[in-house]
Structures are given as C-alpha cells and as structure tokens.
Amino acid sequence: MQRAGHLVLASVLALALAACASQPSPDLTPPTAKRLDAKTTLESGRR
C-alpha cells in the first residue's frame, strides 16, 4: 500500500512539473516579401 502512495505522489509531482513547464515562444519574424514577377514589374514600373 505504501508503494501505491509513492506512485501517486510521484505522478502528482510529475503532472505539476509538466503543467509549469514554459511554452516555446512564438515565431515573431514577419514573412518574407513576395517577389514580383516580370509582368508585374513592367506594369508597375518598379525596379
């Protein structure tokens, strides 16, 4: 019976530790700019 108590206590400790684990930070880098194709470049006059 004492072994079951230790197992429950260890399980509760593991769950508490998992709940407190930090989340990975989100990727805040902006997406890369889309390259313009040749037709759009000619029509808009951009270089």
Protein backbone atom coordinates (compact mmCIF):
# COMPACT_ATOMS: atom_id res chain seq x y z
CA MET A 1 0.00 0.00 0.00
CA GLN A 2 2.88 2.34 0.74
CA ARG A 3 4.25 1.71 -2.77
CA ALA A 4 0.94 2.86 -4.28
CA GLY A 5 1.11 6.05 -2.23
CA HIS A 6 4.62 6.79 -3.52
CA LEU A 7 3.45 6.14 -7.06
CA VAL A 8 0.52 8.55 -6.68
CA LEU A 9 2.76 11.19 -5.14
CA ALA A 10 5.32 10.81 -7.94
CA SER A 11 2.55 11.07 -10.54
CA VAL A 12 1.15 14.23 -8.99
CA LEU A 13 4.62 15.76 -8.84
CA ALA A 14 5.30 14.89 -12.48
CA LEU A 15 1.97 16.38 -13.59
CA ALA A 16 2.60 19.57 -11.60
CA LEU A 17 6.04 19.91 -13.13
CA ALA A 18 4.66 19.37 -16.64
CA ALA A 19 1.95 21.98 -16.05
CA CYS A 20 4.54 24.57 -15.01
CA ALA A 21 6.83 23.94 -17.98
CA SER A 22 7.29 27.01 -20.14
CA GLN A 23 5.74 27.15 -23.57
CA PRO A 24 8.06 27.74 -26.53
CA SER A 25 7.99 31.36 -27.61
CA PRO A 26 6.09 32.06 -30.85
CA ASP A 27 7.98 32.98 -34.01
CA LEU A 28 7.51 36.75 -34.37
CA THR A 29 9.55 37.25 -37.55
CA PRO A 30 7.49 38.70 -40.40
CA PRO A 31 7.05 36.58 -43.52
CA THR A 32 9.41 37.27 -46.39
CA ALA A 33 8.26 39.71 -49.04
CA LYS A 34 6.80 38.11 -52.15
CA ARG A 35 8.92 38.63 -55.25
CA LEU A 36 7.22 40.33 -58.16
CA ASP A 37 7.16 38.54 -61.48
CA ALA A 38 8.38 40.16 -64.72
CA LYS A 39 4.93 41.22 -65.95
CA THR A 40 4.03 42.93 -62.67
CA THR A 41 7.40 44.67 -62.57
CA LEU A 42 6.95 46.02 -66.09
CA GLU A 43 3.37 47.13 -65.45
CA SER A 44 4.10 48.89 -62.16
CA GLY A 45 7.39 50.45 -63.25
CA ARG A 46 9.16 49.19 -60.12
CA ARG A 47 12.73 48.03 -60.08
